[in-house]
Amino acid sequence: MYKTTIAATVALTVLLMVIPRKYFMLPFIVCACFLPADQRVIIMDLDFTPLRILVLTGFLRIFLGKQEYRVRWNNFDRMVVVWALCGAIVYCIQWLNTKAFINRSGYLFDVFGLYWIFRHNVNSWDSIRLNLKIFAICSLFLAVLVGWEWGTGKNPFVAFGRVITEVRKGRYRCQASFPHSIMLGLFYATLVPLFVGLAKTDKRKMLYWAAVAAGVFIVMATASSTPIVTLAVVLLALFGFRWRRHMGQAALGLLASLAALHIVMNKPVWHLIARVNVVGGSTGWHRYKLIDSAIGHFGEWAFLGCRSTSDWGWGLEDITNQYIIEGIRGGLVTLVLFLAMLYLAFRTILNSSLAYREYQRQWLCWCIVVAVIGHCAAFFGVSYFGQIMMLWYMMLSVVGFLAEGLPQKVSAFKSSLSLAYR
């Protein structure tokens, strides 16, 4: 780990122990935005990244301090636990060696550590707003640094780790502190709808509209098709607020349309991914071939996953699809649990948006739905790694928070409807 990264990690660790409880998430957000994920301290074959060090510090503070909020675990929380455990167990059975056990132990530490800490600290609408405010401020600072990288081709975060700036078709693919430009782009593409949500409902409109502009600029500066397409998807989905009651029918209509296209097209419907080439030089064909090969080799990975996909075709060992990697690592059962978790997340947030009486919370819930839609769209073009995992688990913790109080909100909503019809 670079000395500068060590110093920054120590500073964030101390900050985490002394700041007021409501700012608990500040060090995690700053770490995700500004410290490279590839930096780590290795102790007895165990990797400790800056984020993992913060998780350990967060555990320590929560256990030493007075518990201010007691989490009431619900079905969504249990779904997250079952999904992660199932994937880890199948992976260990698949490899049957110590390295696999260590690898999945680190994975479970990330999942349960981040999710558990976030569930204890993302526990109210005030905490959600505060955390998004911190993200917004960080986006403004990061946009300046990305602007420097975009204009000069020199990554200012090289002082913190082994980050670079790639060039494709004569364009810089900015990545800032992130392990890849796509991860940087997706991080902010999925934050943009949340910034829009607060820009329309919060008093600090200028801050959040500036954050929207910064997020859009960062996405474009990555010169990567997957983040740009994801940004287009979430911006389009924001207009669906008025028709959110019909989201189930819209989803069925989309599936029916894809089925019809599959019938009339000369190639399978997932071949449409091969035609996505927004910025030039994109690898849409690779993503199409990966899906096609995963379907063709279904029997190879469905039971206990498979160790390698290199024999599926040239370059297909690079699994740029989150859905496929869930099946490769954990078999069909883990993939089904992952899809069930996404479905439960959508249903929870959508029902919350419908059950709340206040327009502000209805709109913010819809923006959270749109952010999750963005993640689901991104999963077709990439498998997550690096800092974006922190953002993903934070989104899941928000769903857990909404699910915690959903039965009461739904009951109140149904009661108000029954009174209205009397």
Protein backbone atom coordinates (compact mmCIF):
# COMPACT_ATOMS: atom_id res chain seq x y z
CA MET A 1 0.00 0.00 0.00
CA TYR A 2 1.33 3.47 -0.92
CA LYS A 3 2.42 5.70 1.98
CA THR A 4 -0.07 8.36 0.94
CA THR A 5 -2.88 5.78 0.94
CA ILE A 6 -1.79 4.52 4.36
CA ALA A 7 -1.84 8.07 5.70
CA ALA A 8 -5.29 8.73 4.21
CA THR A 9 -6.62 5.43 5.58
CA VAL A 10 -5.30 6.20 9.06
CA ALA A 11 -6.89 9.66 8.90
CA LEU A 12 -10.26 8.22 7.86
CA THR A 13 -10.03 5.55 10.56
CA VAL A 14 -9.43 8.16 13.27
CA LEU A 15 -12.20 10.31 11.81
CA LEU A 16 -14.61 7.35 11.95
CA MET A 17 -13.94 6.92 15.68
CA VAL A 18 -14.44 10.57 16.67
CA ILE A 19 -17.09 12.10 14.41
CA PRO A 20 -20.73 12.39 15.57
CA ARG A 21 -22.80 9.30 14.88
CA LYS A 22 -24.92 10.96 12.19
CA TYR A 23 -21.77 11.44 10.06
CA PHE A 24 -20.77 7.78 10.45
CA MET A 25 -20.92 7.14 6.69
CA LEU A 26 -18.66 10.07 5.77
CA PRO A 27 -15.33 8.15 5.92
CA PHE A 28 -16.81 5.25 3.89
CA ILE A 29 -18.06 7.60 1.15
CA VAL A 30 -14.79 9.56 0.99
CA CYS A 31 -12.84 6.29 0.87
CA ALA A 32 -14.98 4.93 -1.98
CA CYS A 33 -14.66 8.14 -4.00
CA PHE A 34 -10.99 8.99 -3.52
CA LEU A 35 -8.91 5.97 -2.46
CA PRO A 36 -7.96 3.30 -5.06
CA ALA A 37 -9.49 -0.10 -4.36
CA ASP A 38 -6.39 -2.02 -5.45
CA GLN A 39 -4.38 -0.74 -2.47
CA ARG A 40 -4.17 -3.25 0.35
CA VAL A 41 -2.18 -4.55 3.29
CA ILE A 42 -1.58 -8.32 3.17
CA ILE A 43 -1.37 -10.12 6.54
CA MET A 44 -1.05 -13.93 6.46
CA ASP A 45 -2.59 -14.11 2.96
CA LEU A 46 -5.50 -11.91 4.10
CA ASP A 47 -6.08 -8.72 2.08
CA PHE A 48 -7.08 -5.58 3.97
CA THR A 49 -8.14 -2.78 1.63
CA PRO A 50 -8.84 0.70 3.00
CA LEU A 51 -12.56 -0.06 2.92
CA ARG A 52 -12.12 -3.30 4.89
CA ILE A 53 -10.04 -1.46 7.48
CA LEU A 54 -12.88 1.03 7.85
CA VAL A 55 -15.37 -1.83 8.24
CA LEU A 56 -13.28 -3.25 11.12
CA THR A 57 -13.14 0.20 12.69
CA GLY A 58 -16.89 0.59 12.21
CA PHE A 59 -17.49 -2.71 14.03
CA LEU A 60 -15.31 -1.51 16.88
CA ARG A 61 -17.15 1.79 17.23
CA ILE A 62 -20.59 0.19 17.13
CA PHE A 63 -19.68 -2.44 19.72
CA LEU A 64 -17.94 0.04 22.04
CA GLY A 65 -20.56 2.75 21.71
CA LYS A 66 -24.13 2.85 22.93
CA GLN A 67 -26.50 1.22 20.45
CA GLU A 68 -28.77 4.02 19.27
CA TYR A 69 -30.72 2.05 16.71
CA ARG A 70 -31.80 -1.57 16.84
CA VAL A 71 -32.30 -3.15 13.42
CA ARG A 72 -35.48 -5.16 13.00
CA TRP A 73 -34.43 -7.80 10.50
CA ASN A 74 -36.99 -8.52 7.79
CA ASN A 75 -37.45 -10.84 4.82
CA PHE A 76 -35.24 -8.72 2.55
CA ASP A 77 -32.37 -8.82 5.07
CA ARG A 78 -32.71 -12.59 5.25
CA MET A 79 -32.72 -12.82 1.45
CA VAL A 80 -29.40 -10.94 1.28
CA VAL A 81 -27.87 -13.30 3.86
CA VAL A 82 -29.14 -16.45 2.14
CA TRP A 83 -27.97 -15.28 -1.30
CA ALA A 84 -24.45 -14.45 -0.08
CA LEU A 85 -24.09 -17.63 2.00
CA CYS A 86 -25.37 -19.88 -0.78
CA GLY A 87 -22.94 -18.41 -3.31
CA ALA A 88 -20.00 -18.77 -0.92
CA ILE A 89 -20.83 -22.37 0.03
CA VAL A 90 -21.26 -23.51 -3.58
CA TYR A 91 -17.99 -21.81 -4.57
CA CYS A 92 -16.09 -23.58 -1.76
CA ILE A 93 -17.61 -26.95 -2.72
CA GLN A 94 -16.67 -26.30 -6.34
CA TRP A 95 -12.97 -25.71 -5.59
CA LEU A 96 -12.45 -27.67 -2.34
CA ASN A 97 -9.25 -25.90 -1.32
CA THR A 98 -8.03 -23.38 1.24
CA LYS A 99 -7.66 -20.55 -1.27
CA ALA A 100 -11.34 -20.77 -2.17
CA PHE A 101 -12.29 -20.68 1.51
CA ILE A 102 -10.11 -17.60 2.13
CA ASN A 103 -11.48 -15.93 -1.00
CA ARG A 104 -15.11 -16.44 -0.03
CA SER A 105 -14.41 -15.48 3.58
CA GLY A 106 -13.20 -12.11 2.29
CA TYR A 107 -16.27 -11.88 0.08
CA LEU A 108 -18.63 -12.60 2.99
CA PHE A 109 -16.76 -10.09 5.14
CA ASP A 110 -17.40 -7.43 2.50
CA VAL A 111 -21.07 -8.34 2.06
CA PHE A 112 -22.08 -8.84 5.68
CA GLY A 113 -19.70 -6.21 7.06
CA LEU A 114 -20.80 -3.40 4.76
CA TYR A 115 -24.46 -4.41 4.77
CA TRP A 116 -24.63 -4.77 8.56
CA ILE A 117 -22.88 -1.45 9.19
CA PHE A 118 -25.01 0.35 6.61
CA ARG A 119 -28.24 -1.11 8.01
CA HIS A 120 -27.33 0.32 11.41
CA ASN A 121 -26.57 3.75 10.00
CA VAL A 122 -28.91 4.16 7.01
CA ASN A 123 -31.91 4.05 9.28
CA SER A 124 -34.01 7.14 8.51
CA TRP A 125 -34.84 9.50 5.69
CA ASP A 126 -32.63 12.10 7.33
CA SER A 127 -29.65 9.72 7.17
CA ILE A 128 -30.36 8.95 3.51
CA ARG A 129 -30.48 12.64 2.66
CA LEU A 130 -27.29 13.37 4.60
CA ASN A 131 -25.37 10.56 2.92
CA LEU A 132 -26.51 11.69 -0.53
CA LYS A 133 -25.44 15.23 0.37
CA ILE A 134 -21.96 13.88 1.13
CA PHE A 135 -21.95 11.99 -2.19
CA ALA A 136 -23.01 15.21 -3.97
CA ILE A 137 -20.20 17.26 -2.43
CA CYS A 138 -17.67 14.53 -3.25
CA SER A 139 -18.91 14.47 -6.86
CA LEU A 140 -18.15 18.16 -7.25
CA PHE A 141 -14.56 17.71 -6.07
CA LEU A 142 -14.11 14.55 -8.13
CA ALA A 143 -15.48 16.24 -11.27
CA VAL A 144 -12.65 18.80 -11.04
CA LEU A 145 -10.03 16.04 -10.78
CA VAL A 146 -11.65 14.04 -13.60
CA GLY A 147 -11.67 17.24 -15.67
CA TRP A 148 -7.91 17.48 -15.18
CA GLU A 149 -7.49 13.83 -16.21
CA TRP A 150 -9.80 14.32 -19.21
CA GLY A 151 -7.86 17.36 -20.40
CA THR A 152 -4.29 16.16 -19.79
CA GLY A 153 -4.46 12.35 -19.80
CA LYS A 154 -2.70 12.35 -16.42
CA ASN A 155 -4.51 10.64 -13.56
CA PRO A 156 -4.08 12.74 -10.38
CA PHE A 157 -4.83 9.70 -8.21
CA VAL A 158 -1.55 8.05 -9.23
CA ALA A 159 -0.22 9.47 -5.95
CA PHE A 160 -2.52 7.04 -4.10
CA GLY A 161 -2.00 3.89 -6.15
CA ARG A 162 -1.44 2.16 -9.46
CA VAL A 163 -4.25 3.82 -11.41
CA ILE A 164 -3.85 4.78 -15.06
CA THR A 165 -5.72 6.50 -17.88
CA GLU A 166 -6.43 4.34 -20.90
CA VAL A 167 -6.81 5.67 -24.43
CA ARG A 168 -9.35 4.26 -26.90
CA LYS A 169 -9.87 5.63 -30.41
CA GLY A 170 -7.91 8.73 -29.45
CA ARG A 171 -10.12 9.46 -26.40
CA TYR A 172 -9.04 9.36 -22.77
CA ARG A 173 -11.04 6.89 -20.68
CA CYS A 174 -10.95 8.62 -17.30
CA GLN A 175 -11.09 6.37 -14.25
CA ALA A 176 -9.92 8.61 -11.36
CA SER A 177 -9.36 6.42 -8.27
CA PHE A 178 -11.44 3.54 -9.62
CA PRO A 179 -10.01 0.24 -10.94
CA HIS A 180 -11.64 0.77 -14.36
CA SER A 181 -13.32 3.59 -16.23
CA ILE A 182 -16.56 1.58 -16.47
CA MET A 183 -16.73 1.29 -12.67
CA LEU A 184 -16.27 5.05 -12.28
CA GLY A 185 -18.97 5.74 -14.86
CA LEU A 186 -21.48 3.31 -13.35
CA PHE A 187 -20.83 4.63 -9.83
CA TYR A 188 -22.05 8.08 -10.86
CA ALA A 189 -24.61 6.98 -13.46
CA THR A 190 -26.52 5.21 -10.66
CA LEU A 191 -26.12 8.18 -8.30
CA VAL A 192 -27.54 10.70 -10.81
CA PRO A 193 -31.23 9.72 -10.28
CA LEU A 194 -30.75 10.07 -6.51
CA PHE A 195 -29.28 13.55 -6.99
CA VAL A 196 -32.26 14.41 -9.23
CA GLY A 197 -34.60 13.17 -6.51
CA LEU A 198 -33.12 15.56 -3.95
CA ALA A 199 -32.81 18.40 -6.47
CA LYS A 200 -36.60 18.36 -6.82
CA THR A 201 -37.43 17.95 -3.14
CA ASP A 202 -34.64 19.52 -1.06
CA LYS A 203 -33.95 23.15 -0.23
CA ARG A 204 -30.37 22.89 -1.53
CA LYS A 205 -31.44 22.59 -5.16
CA MET A 206 -28.31 24.20 -6.58
CA LEU A 207 -26.03 21.70 -4.84
CA TYR A 208 -27.90 18.69 -6.21
CA TRP A 209 -28.35 20.05 -9.72
CA ALA A 210 -24.62 20.79 -9.72
CA ALA A 211 -24.06 17.19 -8.57
CA VAL A 212 -26.26 15.96 -11.45
CA ALA A 213 -24.14 17.95 -13.91
CA ALA A 214 -20.94 16.64 -12.30
CA GLY A 215 -22.22 13.05 -12.47
CA VAL A 216 -23.16 13.37 -16.14
CA PHE A 217 -19.76 14.88 -16.95
CA ILE A 218 -17.91 12.10 -15.13
CA VAL A 219 -19.93 9.45 -17.00
CA MET A 220 -19.17 11.05 -20.36
CA ALA A 221 -15.47 11.45 -19.47
CA THR A 222 -15.14 7.68 -19.03
CA ALA A 223 -15.79 7.24 -22.79
CA SER A 224 -17.40 3.86 -22.04
CA SER A 225 -20.64 2.60 -23.57
CA THR A 226 -21.97 0.71 -20.53
CA PRO A 227 -22.08 3.76 -18.19
CA ILE A 228 -23.47 6.01 -20.93
CA VAL A 229 -26.25 3.54 -21.79
CA THR A 230 -26.99 3.08 -18.07
CA LEU A 231 -27.23 6.86 -17.66
CA ALA A 232 -29.66 7.04 -20.59
CA VAL A 233 -31.76 4.26 -19.04
CA VAL A 234 -32.05 5.96 -15.64
CA LEU A 235 -32.81 9.38 -17.09
CA LEU A 236 -35.57 7.85 -19.22
CA ALA A 237 -36.92 5.84 -16.29
CA LEU A 238 -37.29 8.98 -14.17
CA PHE A 239 -40.21 10.01 -16.39
CA GLY A 240 -42.13 6.89 -15.32
CA PHE A 241 -43.07 8.28 -11.90
CA ARG A 242 -46.64 9.09 -12.93
CA TRP A 243 -47.20 5.53 -14.18
CA ARG A 244 -45.37 3.67 -11.40
CA ARG A 245 -48.58 1.85 -10.41
CA HIS A 246 -48.39 0.06 -13.74
CA MET A 247 -44.75 -0.98 -13.46
CA GLY A 248 -45.69 -4.67 -13.26
CA GLN A 249 -47.63 -4.48 -16.51
CA ALA A 250 -44.78 -2.53 -18.10
CA ALA A 251 -42.29 -5.23 -17.11
CA LEU A 252 -44.53 -7.95 -18.55
CA GLY A 253 -44.95 -5.89 -21.73
CA LEU A 254 -41.18 -5.56 -22.07
CA LEU A 255 -40.71 -9.32 -21.65
CA ALA A 256 -43.44 -9.97 -24.23
CA SER A 257 -41.78 -7.55 -26.66
CA LEU A 258 -38.41 -9.25 -26.23
CA ALA A 259 -40.03 -12.65 -26.77
CA ALA A 260 -41.66 -11.39 -29.97
CA LEU A 261 -38.34 -9.98 -31.20
CA HIS A 262 -36.66 -13.29 -30.42
CA ILE A 263 -39.17 -15.05 -32.66
CA VAL A 264 -38.89 -12.70 -35.63
CA MET A 265 -35.13 -11.99 -35.48
CA ASN A 266 -32.64 -14.12 -37.39
CA LYS A 267 -30.41 -14.16 -34.32
CA PRO A 268 -31.36 -14.45 -30.63
CA VAL A 269 -32.73 -11.33 -28.97
CA TRP A 270 -29.64 -10.97 -26.77
CA HIS A 271 -27.70 -10.29 -29.98
CA LEU A 272 -29.01 -6.71 -29.64
CA ILE A 273 -26.25 -6.20 -27.05
CA ALA A 274 -23.67 -6.77 -29.78
CA ARG A 275 -25.01 -3.71 -31.60
CA VAL A 276 -24.44 -1.33 -28.68
CA ASN A 277 -21.47 0.86 -29.65
CA VAL A 278 -22.02 4.36 -28.30
CA VAL A 279 -18.45 5.66 -28.24
CA GLY A 280 -16.69 3.40 -30.75
CA GLY A 281 -14.47 0.45 -29.95
CA SER A 282 -17.01 -1.09 -27.56
CA THR A 283 -17.03 -4.84 -26.92
CA GLY A 284 -20.74 -5.49 -27.32
CA TRP A 285 -20.05 -8.62 -29.34
CA HIS A 286 -18.09 -10.08 -26.40
CA ARG A 287 -21.04 -9.49 -24.08
CA TYR A 288 -23.45 -11.09 -26.56
CA LYS A 289 -21.17 -14.10 -27.02
CA LEU A 290 -20.84 -14.51 -23.26
CA ILE A 291 -24.62 -14.71 -22.80
CA ASP A 292 -24.97 -17.03 -25.78
CA SER A 293 -22.23 -19.33 -24.48
CA ALA A 294 -23.64 -19.35 -20.94
CA ILE A 295 -26.97 -20.56 -22.33
CA GLY A 296 -25.24 -23.14 -24.52
CA HIS A 297 -23.18 -24.45 -21.58
CA PHE A 298 -26.07 -24.37 -19.10
CA GLY A 299 -25.48 -27.96 -17.95
CA GLU A 300 -21.85 -27.17 -17.21
CA TRP A 301 -22.50 -24.51 -14.56
CA ALA A 302 -26.10 -24.99 -13.38
CA PHE A 303 -25.37 -27.51 -10.60
CA LEU A 304 -22.28 -26.18 -8.81
CA GLY A 305 -21.02 -23.50 -11.14
CA CYS A 306 -17.77 -24.02 -13.03
CA ARG A 307 -14.15 -23.14 -12.41
CA SER A 308 -13.38 -21.52 -15.76
CA THR A 309 -15.14 -20.32 -18.90
CA SER A 310 -11.98 -20.08 -21.00
CA ASP A 311 -13.04 -23.13 -23.05
CA TRP A 312 -16.28 -21.38 -24.09
CA GLY A 313 -14.49 -19.25 -26.65
CA TRP A 314 -11.74 -16.69 -27.16
CA GLY A 315 -11.67 -14.09 -24.38
CA LEU A 316 -14.72 -15.49 -22.58
CA GLU A 317 -12.77 -16.02 -19.36
CA ASP A 318 -13.50 -12.31 -18.83
CA ILE A 319 -17.04 -12.53 -17.42
CA THR A 320 -18.49 -9.06 -18.00
CA ASN A 321 -21.99 -9.90 -16.80
CA GLN A 322 -23.08 -9.92 -13.15
CA TYR A 323 -25.92 -12.36 -13.74
CA ILE A 324 -23.63 -14.87 -15.42
CA ILE A 325 -20.92 -14.55 -12.79
CA GLU A 326 -23.50 -15.31 -10.09
CA GLY A 327 -24.22 -18.59 -11.90
CA ILE A 328 -20.58 -19.37 -12.67
CA ARG A 329 -19.51 -18.94 -9.05
CA GLY A 330 -22.62 -20.22 -7.29
CA GLY A 331 -24.65 -22.30 -9.70
CA LEU A 332 -28.26 -21.87 -10.75
CA VAL A 333 -29.55 -21.71 -7.17
CA THR A 334 -27.40 -18.63 -6.42
CA LEU A 335 -28.48 -16.96 -9.65
CA VAL A 336 -32.15 -17.60 -8.80
CA LEU A 337 -31.64 -16.18 -5.30
CA PHE A 338 -29.94 -13.12 -6.79
CA LEU A 339 -32.86 -12.53 -9.15
CA ALA A 340 -35.33 -13.10 -6.30
CA MET A 341 -33.46 -10.52 -4.21
CA LEU A 342 -33.69 -7.99 -7.05
CA TYR A 343 -37.42 -8.68 -7.47
CA LEU A 344 -38.02 -8.26 -3.74
CA ALA A 345 -36.03 -5.02 -3.79
CA PHE A 346 -38.14 -3.61 -6.64
CA ARG A 347 -41.39 -4.64 -4.97
CA THR A 348 -40.34 -3.17 -1.62
CA ILE A 349 -39.30 0.23 -2.98
CA LEU A 350 -42.25 0.50 -5.36
CA ASN A 351 -44.75 -0.38 -2.64
CA SER A 352 -43.09 2.22 -0.39
CA SER A 353 -43.48 4.85 -3.10
CA LEU A 354 -47.17 3.98 -3.43
CA ALA A 355 -47.79 3.80 0.32
CA TYR A 356 -46.23 7.10 1.37
CA ARG A 357 -48.65 10.02 1.44
CA GLU A 358 -46.00 12.76 1.14
CA TYR A 359 -45.07 13.62 -2.44
CA GLN A 360 -41.41 14.10 -1.50
CA ARG A 361 -41.03 10.56 -0.22
CA GLN A 362 -43.05 9.13 -3.09
CA TRP A 363 -40.65 10.81 -5.52
CA LEU A 364 -37.50 9.83 -3.60
CA CYS A 365 -38.64 6.21 -3.45
CA TRP A 366 -39.19 6.28 -7.20
CA CYS A 367 -35.68 7.68 -7.71
CA ILE A 368 -34.34 4.77 -5.62
CA VAL A 369 -36.30 2.40 -7.89
CA VAL A 370 -34.67 4.07 -10.90
CA ALA A 371 -31.21 3.73 -9.34
CA VAL A 372 -31.77 -0.01 -8.84
CA ILE A 373 -32.98 -0.22 -12.47
CA GLY A 374 -29.67 1.37 -13.42
CA HIS A 375 -27.72 -1.27 -11.52
CA CYS A 376 -29.76 -4.06 -13.11
CA ALA A 377 -29.13 -2.62 -16.59
CA ALA A 378 -25.41 -2.32 -15.82
CA PHE A 379 -25.27 -5.97 -14.75
CA PHE A 380 -25.73 -6.98 -18.41
CA GLY A 381 -22.46 -5.28 -19.35
CA VAL A 382 -20.18 -5.75 -16.36
CA SER A 383 -19.59 -7.70 -13.16
CA TYR A 384 -19.01 -5.41 -10.21
CA PHE A 385 -15.66 -4.99 -8.46
CA GLY A 386 -13.88 -2.22 -6.61
CA GLN A 387 -15.53 0.76 -4.94
CA ILE A 388 -18.89 0.34 -6.63
CA MET A 389 -19.55 -2.67 -4.39
CA MET A 390 -19.78 -0.24 -1.46
CA LEU A 391 -22.46 1.76 -3.30
CA TRP A 392 -24.36 -1.43 -4.24
CA TYR A 393 -24.48 -2.71 -0.64
CA MET A 394 -25.52 0.74 0.51
CA MET A 395 -28.43 0.61 -1.95
CA LEU A 396 -29.41 -2.81 -0.59
CA SER A 397 -29.30 -1.42 2.95
CA VAL A 398 -31.70 1.36 1.89
CA VAL A 399 -34.07 -1.34 0.63
CA GLY A 400 -33.70 -3.13 3.97
CA PHE A 401 -34.62 0.10 5.78
CA LEU A 402 -37.70 0.59 3.59
CA ALA A 403 -38.75 -3.04 4.06
CA GLU A 404 -38.47 -2.64 7.84
CA GLY A 405 -41.37 -0.19 8.01
CA LEU A 406 -43.28 -1.26 4.92
CA PRO A 407 -46.02 -3.38 6.61
CA GLN A 408 -47.16 -0.41 8.71
CA LYS A 409 -47.12 1.96 5.71
CA VAL A 410 -49.06 -0.50 3.55
CA SER A 411 -51.64 -1.06 6.30
CA ALA A 412 -52.12 2.68 6.70
CA PHE A 413 -52.37 3.07 2.92
CA LYS A 414 -55.04 0.36 2.66
CA SER A 415 -56.95 1.86 5.58
CA SER A 416 -56.99 5.27 3.89
CA LEU A 417 -58.27 3.65 0.69
CA SER A 418 -61.04 1.81 2.51
CA LEU A 419 -62.14 5.02 4.25
CA ALA A 420 -62.13 6.88 0.93
CA TYR A 421 -64.50 4.34 -0.63
CA ARG A 422 -67.01 4.28 2.23
